[in-house]
Structures are given as structure tokens and as C-alpha cells.
C-alpha atoms as a PDB file:
ATOM      1  CA  UNK A   1      -7.274  13.102   3.834  1.00  0.00           C
ATOM      2  CA  UNK A   2     -10.306  12.816   6.054  1.00  0.00           C
ATOM      3  CA  UNK A   3     -12.703   9.957   5.412  1.00  0.00           C
ATOM      4  CA  UNK A   4     -16.153   9.371   6.845  1.00  0.00           C
ATOM      5  CA  UNK A   5     -16.443   5.585   6.936  1.00  0.00           C
ATOM      6  CA  UNK A   6     -14.814   2.319   5.955  1.00  0.00           C
ATOM      7  CA  UNK A   7     -16.659   2.148   2.624  1.00  0.00           C
ATOM      8  CA  UNK A   8     -15.255   5.534   1.585  1.00  0.00           C
ATOM      9  CA  UNK A   9     -11.763   4.437   2.684  1.00  0.00           C
ATOM     10  CA  UNK A  10     -12.084   1.284   0.570  1.00  0.00           C
ATOM     11  CA  UNK A  11     -13.345   3.205  -2.455  1.00  0.00           C
ATOM     12  CA  UNK A  12     -10.529   5.772  -2.287  1.00  0.00           C
ATOM     13  CA  UNK A  13      -7.872   3.105  -1.716  1.00  0.00           C
ATOM     14  CA  UNK A  14      -9.073   0.985  -4.622  1.00  0.00           C
ATOM     15  CA  UNK A  15      -9.314   3.981  -6.984  1.00  0.00           C
ATOM     16  CA  UNK A  16      -5.551   4.195  -7.548  1.00  0.00           C
ATOM     17  CA  UNK A  17      -3.849   2.194 -10.333  1.00  0.00           C
ATOM     18  CA  UNK A  18      -1.584   0.378  -7.858  1.00  0.00           C
ATOM     19  CA  UNK A  19      -2.197  -2.200  -5.167  1.00  0.00           C
ATOM     20  CA  UNK A  20       1.004  -3.552  -3.654  1.00  0.00           C
ATOM     21  CA  UNK A  21       0.373  -3.566   0.104  1.00  0.00           C
ATOM     22  CA  UNK A  22      -1.959  -1.810   2.516  1.00  0.00           C
ATOM     23  CA  UNK A  23      -1.584  -1.124   6.218  1.00  0.00           C
ATOM     24  CA  UNK A  24      -4.776  -1.184   8.283  1.00  0.00           C
ATOM     25  CA  UNK A  25      -4.969  -0.152  11.928  1.00  0.00           C
ATOM     26  CA  UNK A  26      -8.068  -1.234  13.837  1.00  0.00           C
ATOM     27  CA  UNK A  27      -9.182  -2.941  17.034  1.00  0.00           C
ATOM     28  CA  UNK A  28     -12.196  -4.420  15.247  1.00  0.00           C
ATOM     29  CA  UNK A  29     -11.917  -7.874  13.694  1.00  0.00           C
ATOM     30  CA  UNK A  30     -15.071  -7.098  11.693  1.00  0.00           C
ATOM     31  CA  UNK A  31     -13.509  -3.961  10.180  1.00  0.00           C
ATOM     32  CA  UNK A  32     -10.284  -5.852   9.453  1.00  0.00           C
ATOM     33  CA  UNK A  33     -12.162  -8.678   7.724  1.00  0.00           C
ATOM     34  CA  UNK A  34     -14.273  -6.279   5.652  1.00  0.00           C
ATOM     35  CA  UNK A  35     -11.108  -4.549   4.429  1.00  0.00           C
ATOM     36  CA  UNK A  36      -9.393  -7.879   3.720  1.00  0.00           C
ATOM     37  CA  UNK A  37     -12.398  -8.894   1.627  1.00  0.00           C
ATOM     38  CA  UNK A  38     -12.694  -5.611  -0.280  1.00  0.00           C
ATOM     39  CA  UNK A  39      -9.287  -3.983  -0.686  1.00  0.00           C
ATOM     40  CA  UNK A  40      -7.576  -4.644  -4.034  1.00  0.00           C
ATOM     41  CA  UNK A  41      -4.042  -5.127  -2.738  1.00  0.00           C
ATOM     42  CA  UNK A  42      -1.612  -8.030  -2.917  1.00  0.00           C
ATOM     43  CA  UNK A  43      -0.933  -7.829   0.810  1.00  0.00           C
ATOM     44  CA  UNK A  44      -2.929  -6.386   3.677  1.00  0.00           C
ATOM     45  CA  UNK A  45      -1.130  -5.853   6.964  1.00  0.00           C
ATOM     46  CA  UNK A  46      -3.436  -5.602   9.963  1.00  0.00           C
ATOM     47  CA  UNK A  47      -1.952  -3.340  12.663  1.00  0.00           C
ATOM     48  CA  UNK A  48       1.327  -3.165  10.733  1.00  0.00           C
ATOM     49  CA  UNK A  49       2.652  -0.644   8.242  1.00  0.00           C
ATOM     50  CA  UNK A  50       2.427  -1.470   4.564  1.00  0.00           C
ATOM     51  CA  UNK A  51       6.216  -1.916   4.362  1.00  0.00           C
ATOM     52  CA  UNK A  52       6.161  -4.978   6.667  1.00  0.00           C
ATOM     53  CA  UNK A  53       7.849  -7.917   4.920  1.00  0.00           C
ATOM     54  CA  UNK A  54       9.718 -11.103   5.754  1.00  0.00           C
ATOM     55  CA  UNK A  55      11.444 -13.284   3.164  1.00  0.00           C
ATOM     56  CA  UNK A  56       9.105 -16.270   3.345  1.00  0.00           C
ATOM     57  CA  UNK A  57       5.984 -14.171   2.680  1.00  0.00           C
ATOM     58  CA  UNK A  58       4.576 -14.073  -0.845  1.00  0.00           C
ATOM     59  CA  UNK A  59       5.118 -10.551  -2.154  1.00  0.00           C
ATOM     60  CA  UNK A  60       3.418  -8.927  -5.114  1.00  0.00           C
ATOM     61  CA  UNK A  61       0.549  -6.682  -5.981  1.00  0.00           C
ATOM     62  CA  UNK A  62      -2.623  -6.121  -7.929  1.00  0.00           C
ATOM     63  CA  UNK A  63      -3.199  -3.864 -10.907  1.00  0.00           C
ATOM     64  CA  UNK A  64      -0.025  -1.996 -11.951  1.00  0.00           C
ATOM     65  CA  UNK A  65       1.995  -3.207  -8.950  1.00  0.00           C
ATOM     66  CA  UNK A  66       3.785  -5.943 -10.825  1.00  0.00           C
ATOM     67  CA  UNK A  67       3.261  -9.349 -12.329  1.00  0.00           C
ATOM     68  CA  UNK A  68       3.047 -12.485 -10.241  1.00  0.00           C
ATOM     69  CA  UNK A  69       4.527 -12.975  -6.806  1.00  0.00           C
ATOM     70  CA  UNK A  70       7.978 -13.134  -5.264  1.00  0.00           C
ATOM     71  CA  UNK A  71       9.112 -15.279  -2.372  1.00  0.00           C
ATOM     72  CA  UNK A  72      10.659 -18.676  -1.745  1.00  0.00           C
ATOM     73  CA  UNK A  73       7.730 -20.776  -2.958  1.00  0.00           C
ATOM     74  CA  UNK A  74       7.326 -18.716  -6.113  1.00  0.00           C
ATOM     75  CA  UNK A  75      11.068 -18.826  -6.864  1.00  0.00           C
ATOM     76  CA  UNK A  76      11.016 -22.621  -6.558  1.00  0.00           C
ATOM     77  CA  UNK A  77       7.975 -22.785  -8.857  1.00  0.00           C
ATOM     78  CA  UNK A  78       9.756 -20.621 -11.442  1.00  0.00           C
ATOM     79  CA  UNK A  79      12.853 -22.856 -11.378  1.00  0.00           C
ATOM     80  CA  UNK A  80      10.952 -26.148 -11.541  1.00  0.00           C
ATOM     81  CA  UNK A  81       9.818 -28.057 -14.603  1.00  0.00           C
ATOM     82  CA  UNK A  82       6.879 -30.309 -13.843  1.00  0.00           C
ATOM     83  CA  UNK A  83       6.921 -33.742 -15.413  1.00  0.00           C
ATOM     84  CA  UNK A  84       4.248 -36.377 -14.963  1.00  0.00           C
ATOM     85  CA  UNK A  85       5.371 -40.010 -14.909  1.00  0.00           C
ATOM     86  CA  UNK A  86       3.012 -42.963 -14.678  1.00  0.00           C
ATOM     87  CA  UNK A  87       4.650 -46.259 -13.799  1.00  0.00           C
ATOM     88  CA  UNK A  88       2.691 -49.495 -14.049  1.00  0.00           C
ATOM     89  CA  UNK A  89       4.275 -52.674 -12.806  1.00  0.00           C
ATOM     90  CA  UNK A  90       4.351 -55.304 -15.531  1.00  0.00           C
ATOM     91  CA  UNK A  91       2.420 -58.458 -14.856  1.00  0.00           C
ATOM     92  CA  UNK A  92       4.625 -61.520 -14.265  1.00  0.00           C
END
């Protein structure tokens, strides 16, 4: 598919019902930042393919690409019950 500019690329990319990861190839930090700001994807890989993944990265998408995130931090959150305790030292 031929596109004419970055705005058209963003519009086409965001028009699909999924948004797991996107791969962007550019030498321009300005183009990269504009896409980071405007693409509706859970992960945006700059100068990497969209299948790039390492275990410690949060992984999950927008729209119909799943619920929540996966990864070590998110697994720990899911297996943790938070309990607040306030302890005041009694006066002697």
C-alpha cells in the first residue's frame, strides 16, 4: 500500500480494530515522536519489527488486541493483594 505522508500512514494504521504492536522505520526523531504520540498501539518499536519482544517488557494492545498487559510487573500485580496497615506507637 502506497502512502503519501505520515498523517495518512497514521490514519490508515489507526483505522483497524486492532492495535497490538507497530514497527516504525525512520531516521527522523521528529517522525518517530509524532508516530509515538499518535499511533493507537500498545507497543511501538522504532527501527524494529513489530514482533520484537523481551520478557521484561510490558506486552498488550489497544482496542481488540486484548485486555490489560502481560509481563513480569503485571504478573506480580495480578498475584498480589494490597493491604494497608497503619501502626501508631502507643504513648508510654
